[in-house]
Amino acid sequence: MRRVLVTLLTVATLAACAPGQMAGQNPGPTLGGANYAPQYDFSEFWAATDGRTFRVIVAGNPFPALPFDEMTARLLPVLQANKPRPPLTFTYAAPAEPPRPDYRLVLIFDPANDLGSGAVCNGVTRLKPDTPARAPHLVYVYGVYCRNDLALSETTGWTEATGPDDPRLGPLFAQLFLVLFTDQPPIRRGRLVPFARW
């Protein structure tokens, strides 16, 4: 009986694996933990972005062979195609005067290990130094949803991709946006210091 249970558990475990994982291929995007401020409210996000533009600030370049401006230009349609549910339009354009409240999404590629979302929403971006040990096609992004200088939500995600048009990049942002802009009640993870990097 015990041998049968072990066999059934092994089969169930293998069945749960994605086909890419079983074949040793890239299994797709992976997300890290998520944090939400007590003030996070999906209905507020919807009201702020419904039929409006939503500013994105990008720091870092996951594809250093491309100039930063070209990378961001090619990235914008990928973000738009995988946007969260409200009928919003992503833009990089900064208004002449910041609106109040100032809602925005900050995406930092290869952020410094000690960079937290509180600093990000106050205009701080720091990147990891270039290291030869970095996986050549690994895209690692830190996403923070800000209202003025308050971080409302944060998460990280990573996948392999060779450029902004790589089809593996879209699913990463689709999953990232589902977490950053969740319509589910946030689950507190018991952190003593909210929005500390994990």
C-alpha atoms as a PDB file:
ATOM      1  CA  MET A   1       0.000   0.000   0.000  1.00  0.00           C
ATOM      2  CA  ARG A   2       2.818   2.371   0.891  1.00  0.00           C
ATOM      3  CA  ARG A   3       4.554   1.710  -2.436  1.00  0.00           C
ATOM      4  CA  VAL A   4       1.293   2.499  -4.284  1.00  0.00           C
ATOM      5  CA  LEU A   5       0.957   5.820  -2.426  1.00  0.00           C
ATOM      6  CA  VAL A   6       4.538   6.785  -3.245  1.00  0.00           C
ATOM      7  CA  THR A   7       3.971   5.930  -6.911  1.00  0.00           C
ATOM      8  CA  LEU A   8       0.752   7.955  -7.027  1.00  0.00           C
ATOM      9  CA  LEU A   9       2.465  10.948  -5.416  1.00  0.00           C
ATOM     10  CA  THR A  10       5.326  10.730  -7.913  1.00  0.00           C
ATOM     11  CA  VAL A  11       2.921  10.611 -10.872  1.00  0.00           C
ATOM     12  CA  ALA A  12       0.922  13.542  -9.477  1.00  0.00           C
ATOM     13  CA  THR A  13       4.090  15.570  -9.000  1.00  0.00           C
ATOM     14  CA  LEU A  14       5.269  14.902 -12.558  1.00  0.00           C
ATOM     15  CA  ALA A  15       1.823  15.716 -13.948  1.00  0.00           C
ATOM     16  CA  ALA A  16       1.863  19.051 -12.136  1.00  0.00           C
ATOM     17  CA  CYS A  17       5.125  20.065 -13.815  1.00  0.00           C
ATOM     18  CA  ALA A  18       4.877  22.273 -16.863  1.00  0.00           C
ATOM     19  CA  PRO A  19       5.941  20.549 -20.086  1.00  0.00           C
ATOM     20  CA  GLY A  20       8.867  22.941 -20.415  1.00  0.00           C
ATOM     21  CA  GLN A  21      10.104  22.018 -16.943  1.00  0.00           C
ATOM     22  CA  MET A  22      10.006  18.299 -17.736  1.00  0.00           C
ATOM     23  CA  ALA A  23      11.903  18.862 -20.966  1.00  0.00           C
ATOM     24  CA  GLY A  24      14.488  21.069 -19.254  1.00  0.00           C
ATOM     25  CA  GLN A  25      13.267  24.166 -21.086  1.00  0.00           C
ATOM     26  CA  ASN A  26      12.414  27.598 -19.732  1.00  0.00           C
ATOM     27  CA  PRO A  27       9.150  27.078 -17.776  1.00  0.00           C
ATOM     28  CA  GLY A  28       8.021  30.660 -18.354  1.00  0.00           C
ATOM     29  CA  PRO A  29       7.829  33.681 -16.075  1.00  0.00           C
ATOM     30  CA  THR A  30       8.402  33.409 -12.348  1.00  0.00           C
ATOM     31  CA  LEU A  31       7.214  35.922  -9.779  1.00  0.00           C
ATOM     32  CA  GLY A  32       8.679  36.648  -6.367  1.00  0.00           C
ATOM     33  CA  GLY A  33       6.711  37.658  -3.304  1.00  0.00           C
ATOM     34  CA  ALA A  34       4.349  40.607  -3.214  1.00  0.00           C
ATOM     35  CA  ASN A  35       3.655  43.326  -0.679  1.00  0.00           C
ATOM     36  CA  TYR A  36       0.648  45.630  -0.412  1.00  0.00           C
ATOM     37  CA  ALA A  37       0.227  48.789   1.622  1.00  0.00           C
ATOM     38  CA  PRO A  38      -2.860  48.874   3.860  1.00  0.00           C
ATOM     39  CA  GLN A  39      -4.062  51.728   1.602  1.00  0.00           C
ATOM     40  CA  TYR A  40      -4.024  49.544  -1.533  1.00  0.00           C
ATOM     41  CA  ASP A  41      -7.480  49.458  -3.147  1.00  0.00           C
ATOM     42  CA  PHE A  42      -8.191  47.980  -6.578  1.00  0.00           C
ATOM     43  CA  SER A  43     -11.251  50.188  -7.038  1.00  0.00           C
ATOM     44  CA  GLU A  44      -9.022  53.258  -6.574  1.00  0.00           C
ATOM     45  CA  PHE A  45      -6.642  51.939  -9.246  1.00  0.00           C
ATOM     46  CA  TRP A  46      -9.557  51.334 -11.622  1.00  0.00           C
ATOM     47  CA  ALA A  47     -10.996  54.821 -11.056  1.00  0.00           C
ATOM     48  CA  ALA A  48      -7.586  56.421 -11.591  1.00  0.00           C
ATOM     49  CA  THR A  49      -6.837  54.575 -14.862  1.00  0.00           C
ATOM     50  CA  ASP A  50     -10.240  53.848 -16.458  1.00  0.00           C
ATOM     51  CA  GLY A  51     -10.047  55.294 -19.976  1.00  0.00           C
ATOM     52  CA  ARG A  52      -6.958  57.324 -19.060  1.00  0.00           C
ATOM     53  CA  THR A  53      -3.222  57.269 -19.622  1.00  0.00           C
ATOM     54  CA  PHE A  54      -1.110  55.600 -16.938  1.00  0.00           C
ATOM     55  CA  ARG A  55       2.509  56.678 -16.653  1.00  0.00           C
ATOM     56  CA  VAL A  56       5.322  54.134 -16.627  1.00  0.00           C
ATOM     57  CA  ILE A  57       8.838  54.979 -15.491  1.00  0.00           C
ATOM     58  CA  VAL A  58      11.542  52.568 -16.649  1.00  0.00           C
ATOM     59  CA  ALA A  59      15.030  52.270 -15.170  1.00  0.00           C
ATOM     60  CA  GLY A  60      17.723  49.881 -16.311  1.00  0.00           C
ATOM     61  CA  ASN A  61      18.110  48.099 -19.630  1.00  0.00           C
ATOM     62  CA  PRO A  62      17.758  44.302 -19.726  1.00  0.00           C
ATOM     63  CA  PHE A  63      18.981  44.289 -23.338  1.00  0.00           C
ATOM     64  CA  PRO A  64      22.203  46.310 -23.274  1.00  0.00           C
ATOM     65  CA  ALA A  65      22.881  45.650 -26.967  1.00  0.00           C
ATOM     66  CA  LEU A  66      19.981  48.040 -27.665  1.00  0.00           C
ATOM     67  CA  PRO A  67      20.066  51.768 -26.920  1.00  0.00           C
ATOM     68  CA  PHE A  68      17.805  52.593 -23.964  1.00  0.00           C
ATOM     69  CA  ASP A  69      15.389  54.688 -26.065  1.00  0.00           C
ATOM     70  CA  GLU A  70      14.965  51.891 -28.610  1.00  0.00           C
ATOM     71  CA  MET A  71      14.470  49.320 -25.874  1.00  0.00           C
ATOM     72  CA  THR A  72      11.748  51.360 -24.166  1.00  0.00           C
ATOM     73  CA  ALA A  73      10.025  52.166 -27.475  1.00  0.00           C
ATOM     74  CA  ARG A  74       9.834  48.468 -28.325  1.00  0.00           C
ATOM     75  CA  LEU A  75       8.811  47.570 -24.771  1.00  0.00           C
ATOM     76  CA  LEU A  76       5.779  49.880 -24.646  1.00  0.00           C
ATOM     77  CA  PRO A  77       3.607  47.801 -27.036  1.00  0.00           C
ATOM     78  CA  VAL A  78       4.457  44.685 -25.000  1.00  0.00           C
ATOM     79  CA  LEU A  79       3.270  46.395 -21.826  1.00  0.00           C
ATOM     80  CA  GLN A  80       0.108  47.602 -23.562  1.00  0.00           C
ATOM     81  CA  ALA A  81      -0.708  44.187 -25.003  1.00  0.00           C
ATOM     82  CA  ASN A  82      -0.491  42.650 -21.523  1.00  0.00           C
ATOM     83  CA  LYS A  83      -2.012  45.538 -19.550  1.00  0.00           C
ATOM     84  CA  PRO A  84      -4.152  45.086 -16.432  1.00  0.00           C
ATOM     85  CA  ARG A  85      -7.947  45.053 -16.825  1.00  0.00           C
ATOM     86  CA  PRO A  86      -8.916  48.765 -16.841  1.00  0.00           C
ATOM     87  CA  PRO A  87      -9.023  50.292 -20.342  1.00  0.00           C
ATOM     88  CA  LEU A  88      -5.851  52.285 -19.738  1.00  0.00           C
ATOM     89  CA  THR A  89      -3.099  53.419 -22.070  1.00  0.00           C
ATOM     90  CA  PHE A  90       0.478  53.166 -20.868  1.00  0.00           C
ATOM     91  CA  THR A  91       2.664  56.196 -21.538  1.00  0.00           C
ATOM     92  CA  TYR A  92       6.186  57.310 -20.729  1.00  0.00           C
ATOM     93  CA  ALA A  93       5.246  60.972 -21.085  1.00  0.00           C
ATOM     94  CA  ALA A  94       5.585  62.966 -17.891  1.00  0.00           C
ATOM     95  CA  PRO A  95       3.022  65.736 -17.427  1.00  0.00           C
ATOM     96  CA  ALA A  96       4.290  69.310 -17.188  1.00  0.00           C
ATOM     97  CA  GLU A  97       3.103  69.319 -13.583  1.00  0.00           C
ATOM     98  CA  PRO A  98       2.677  66.058 -11.661  1.00  0.00           C
ATOM     99  CA  PRO A  99      -1.003  65.364 -10.996  1.00  0.00           C
ATOM    100  CA  ARG A 100      -2.267  64.973  -7.436  1.00  0.00           C
ATOM    101  CA  PRO A 101      -2.590  62.192  -6.709  1.00  0.00           C
ATOM    102  CA  ASP A 102       0.269  61.051  -8.926  1.00  0.00           C
ATOM    103  CA  TYR A 103      -0.356  57.400  -9.835  1.00  0.00           C
ATOM    104  CA  ARG A 104       2.421  55.647 -11.728  1.00  0.00           C
ATOM    105  CA  LEU A 105       4.120  52.320 -12.352  1.00  0.00           C
ATOM    106  CA  VAL A 106       7.882  52.064 -11.909  1.00  0.00           C
ATOM    107  CA  LEU A 107       9.706  49.176 -13.592  1.00  0.00           C
ATOM    108  CA  ILE A 108      13.341  48.687 -12.605  1.00  0.00           C
ATOM    109  CA  PHE A 109      15.402  46.094 -14.440  1.00  0.00           C
ATOM    110  CA  ASP A 110      18.206  44.550 -12.349  1.00  0.00           C
ATOM    111  CA  PRO A 111      17.578  46.707  -9.256  1.00  0.00           C
ATOM    112  CA  ALA A 112      20.140  46.991  -6.488  1.00  0.00           C
ATOM    113  CA  ASN A 113      19.564  44.466  -3.712  1.00  0.00           C
ATOM    114  CA  ASP A 114      18.970  47.162  -1.095  1.00  0.00           C
ATOM    115  CA  LEU A 115      16.459  49.160  -3.135  1.00  0.00           C
ATOM    116  CA  GLY A 116      13.004  49.238  -1.544  1.00  0.00           C
ATOM    117  CA  SER A 117       9.691  50.470  -2.870  1.00  0.00           C
ATOM    118  CA  GLY A 118       9.495  53.397  -0.437  1.00  0.00           C
ATOM    119  CA  ALA A 119      12.648  54.838  -1.993  1.00  0.00           C
ATOM    120  CA  VAL A 120      11.406  54.041  -5.508  1.00  0.00           C
ATOM    121  CA  CYS A 121       8.214  56.068  -5.012  1.00  0.00           C
ATOM    122  CA  ASN A 122      10.418  58.945  -3.826  1.00  0.00           C
ATOM    123  CA  GLY A 123      12.348  58.929  -7.109  1.00  0.00           C
ATOM    124  CA  VAL A 124      15.297  56.694  -6.173  1.00  0.00           C
ATOM    125  CA  THR A 125      16.485  54.044  -8.633  1.00  0.00           C
ATOM    126  CA  ARG A 126      19.676  52.074  -8.177  1.00  0.00           C
ATOM    127  CA  LEU A 127      20.827  49.197 -10.331  1.00  0.00           C
ATOM    128  CA  LYS A 128      23.093  46.245  -9.724  1.00  0.00           C
ATOM    129  CA  PRO A 129      26.572  46.654 -11.160  1.00  0.00           C
ATOM    130  CA  ASP A 130      27.213  44.726 -14.368  1.00  0.00           C
ATOM    131  CA  THR A 131      28.563  41.305 -13.509  1.00  0.00           C
ATOM    132  CA  PRO A 132      29.870  38.654 -15.910  1.00  0.00           C
ATOM    133  CA  ALA A 133      28.076  35.986 -13.844  1.00  0.00           C
ATOM    134  CA  ARG A 134      24.643  37.295 -14.864  1.00  0.00           C
ATOM    135  CA  ALA A 135      22.661  34.892 -17.031  1.00  0.00           C
ATOM    136  CA  PRO A 136      22.939  36.270 -20.568  1.00  0.00           C
ATOM    137  CA  HIS A 137      19.217  36.302 -21.345  1.00  0.00           C
ATOM    138  CA  LEU A 138      17.683  36.610 -17.880  1.00  0.00           C
ATOM    139  CA  VAL A 139      15.294  39.549 -17.548  1.00  0.00           C
ATOM    140  CA  TYR A 140      14.681  40.492 -13.902  1.00  0.00           C
ATOM    141  CA  VAL A 141      12.241  43.308 -13.147  1.00  0.00           C
ATOM    142  CA  TYR A 142      11.077  45.000  -9.957  1.00  0.00           C
ATOM    143  CA  GLY A 143       7.631  46.564 -10.293  1.00  0.00           C
ATOM    144  CA  VAL A 144       6.248  49.192  -7.914  1.00  0.00           C
ATOM    145  CA  TYR A 145       2.831  50.866  -8.068  1.00  0.00           C
ATOM    146  CA  CYS A 146       3.043  54.352  -6.531  1.00  0.00           C
ATOM    147  CA  ARG A 147       0.581  56.999  -5.421  1.00  0.00           C
ATOM    148  CA  ASN A 148       2.538  60.204  -4.777  1.00  0.00           C
ATOM    149  CA  ASP A 149       5.421  59.069  -2.532  1.00  0.00           C
ATOM    150  CA  LEU A 150       3.550  56.024  -1.167  1.00  0.00           C
ATOM    151  CA  ALA A 151       4.220  52.526  -2.505  1.00  0.00           C
ATOM    152  CA  LEU A 152       0.865  50.758  -2.808  1.00  0.00           C
ATOM    153  CA  SER A 153       2.143  47.419  -4.139  1.00  0.00           C
ATOM    154  CA  GLU A 154       5.373  45.762  -5.238  1.00  0.00           C
ATOM    155  CA  THR A 155       6.573  42.498  -6.722  1.00  0.00           C
ATOM    156  CA  THR A 156       9.422  41.049  -8.758  1.00  0.00           C
ATOM    157  CA  GLY A 157       9.450  38.801 -11.794  1.00  0.00           C
ATOM    158  CA  TRP A 158      11.918  37.178 -14.118  1.00  0.00           C
ATOM    159  CA  THR A 159      12.103  35.162 -17.317  1.00  0.00           C
ATOM    160  CA  GLU A 160      14.484  34.467 -20.160  1.00  0.00           C
ATOM    161  CA  ALA A 161      14.198  36.748 -23.185  1.00  0.00           C
ATOM    162  CA  THR A 162      16.568  37.936 -25.893  1.00  0.00           C
ATOM    163  CA  GLY A 163      14.867  41.242 -26.683  1.00  0.00           C
ATOM    164  CA  PRO A 164      11.721  43.340 -26.166  1.00  0.00           C
ATOM    165  CA  ASP A 165       9.930  41.411 -28.928  1.00  0.00           C
ATOM    166  CA  ASP A 166      10.687  37.979 -27.445  1.00  0.00           C
ATOM    167  CA  PRO A 167       7.324  36.187 -26.964  1.00  0.00           C
ATOM    168  CA  ARG A 168       8.420  35.097 -23.484  1.00  0.00           C
ATOM    169  CA  LEU A 169       8.376  38.696 -22.245  1.00  0.00           C
ATOM    170  CA  GLY A 170       4.637  39.318 -22.620  1.00  0.00           C
ATOM    171  CA  PRO A 171       3.571  36.598 -20.154  1.00  0.00           C
ATOM    172  CA  LEU A 172       6.009  38.016 -17.591  1.00  0.00           C
ATOM    173  CA  PHE A 173       4.255  41.395 -17.628  1.00  0.00           C
ATOM    174  CA  ALA A 174       0.796  39.831 -17.760  1.00  0.00           C
ATOM    175  CA  GLN A 175       1.583  37.952 -14.525  1.00  0.00           C
ATOM    176  CA  LEU A 176       3.354  40.938 -12.966  1.00  0.00           C
ATOM    177  CA  PHE A 177       0.311  43.166 -13.560  1.00  0.00           C
ATOM    178  CA  LEU A 178      -2.070  40.552 -12.138  1.00  0.00           C
ATOM    179  CA  VAL A 179      -0.103  40.694  -8.890  1.00  0.00           C
ATOM    180  CA  LEU A 180       0.589  44.440  -8.740  1.00  0.00           C
ATOM    181  CA  PHE A 181      -3.013  45.344  -9.540  1.00  0.00           C
ATOM    182  CA  THR A 182      -4.887  42.489  -7.908  1.00  0.00           C
ATOM    183  CA  ASP A 183      -8.599  42.734  -7.295  1.00  0.00           C
ATOM    184  CA  GLN A 184      -8.312  40.205  -4.467  1.00  0.00           C
ATOM    185  CA  PRO A 185      -7.991  41.367  -0.860  1.00  0.00           C
ATOM    186  CA  PRO A 186      -4.262  41.700  -0.140  1.00  0.00           C
ATOM    187  CA  ILE A 187      -2.762  38.979   2.029  1.00  0.00           C
ATOM    188  CA  ARG A 188      -0.459  40.326   4.674  1.00  0.00           C
ATOM    189  CA  ARG A 189       2.702  38.277   4.764  1.00  0.00           C
ATOM    190  CA  GLY A 190       3.587  39.035   8.369  1.00  0.00           C
ATOM    191  CA  ARG A 191       6.488  41.328   7.594  1.00  0.00           C
ATOM    192  CA  LEU A 192       7.544  43.560  10.453  1.00  0.00           C
ATOM    193  CA  VAL A 193       8.769  46.223   8.040  1.00  0.00           C
ATOM    194  CA  PRO A 194       6.358  46.655   5.115  1.00  0.00           C
ATOM    195  CA  PHE A 195       7.952  47.052   1.708  1.00  0.00           C
ATOM    196  CA  ALA A 196      11.396  45.848   2.744  1.00  0.00           C
ATOM    197  CA  ARG A 197      13.002  43.976  -0.147  1.00  0.00           C
ATOM    198  CA  TRP A 198      12.763  40.197   0.230  1.00  0.00           C
END
